[in-house]
Amino acid sequence: MFGTANVYGWGESKGRTEEIIGTWFSQGGDRREKTVLATKVYASMSREGDTWPNYDRLSALNIRRAVDASLKRLQTDYIDVYQFHHVDRLTPFEEIWQAVEVLVQQGKILYAGSSNFPGYKIAQANETAARHGRLGLVSEQCLYNLAERRAEMEIIPAAEAYGLGVIPWSPLNGGLLGGVIKKEVEGGRRASGRSAEALANTAVRAQVQAYEDLLDKHGLEPGEVGLAWLLTRPGVTGPIVGPRTQEQLDSALRAVELELSEEVLAGLEEIFPGPGASPEAFAW
């Protein structure tokens, strides 16, 4: 499965990642036929500062324009899972589902999914779809990992209730759960971006150190454990991985076969406690 978005590449390079995938598909060899392809729509693809109604969000017109542009960049005639990149507070779901139904009938997409939706929007989307005899959302791509478990409050329960597959993004929390402190000590790649900002907080650094110490005790690799833990979570289909090197890809693949002991799982829960059962955790 490849997951991307029309806007990825950002700035002057919007659409570039779809073009890279399209170039790969064009080489043939059943590449497209053996790939589950997911891309997203929401953000504006126009030039910086060039704004106009229907240039972004989930209006029927923008969805129609966006999917045709994505298909061209991806060099394919259909998208397996067409995802809404963000909630649209201006467009009613009746309009969104009408546009999706047209695309399904045209054979341009097979299914619709969401990304970054709160639980109540998942429910609203699928209840609206059900009223009109439509399938509704089949997946939710959300931020979810050991260090960021707020999705357990409402998003994952909603996804489970409506039969959506959960596809966590940033499963290693921007590299924070990939052995970042150990790499610093050994003189390897230093933390950057979100990881560096998080480690500047002494409490977070102590938590990550405890995580790495626990796994070192059991002879386990942090990045593999972070992914393997997600695979134990109810409702999770599989995390989105973004390997930078072949070594990172190999590590991610090993996580699929990794079985975590009850001792390790209990230790992880102690270091990164979740919010608890919903709604009990916040109701009483």
Foldseek 3Di string as FASTA:
>chain_A
DDEEEQQPVHAPCRNVVLLVQLVVVVVDPCPVVPDQAEYEFFDAPDHVPDDDPLRGGQALSVVVVRLVVSCVSNVHQAHAEYEYAEDDPPDALVRNVVSVVVCVVVRHYPFYAYEPDFQVVQVRQCVVQVVVPHLGHAAYEYADWLQDFPCQAHVQVSCVVSNHAYAYEPLCVQCLQQCQVVCVVVVHDHRDDPNVVQCVPVLSVVLSVLLVVLCVVVVHGRVLVGQLVQVVDPRHPGYDDDDPDPVSVVSVVVSVVDDDDPVSVVSSCVSRPHQDHPPVSPPD
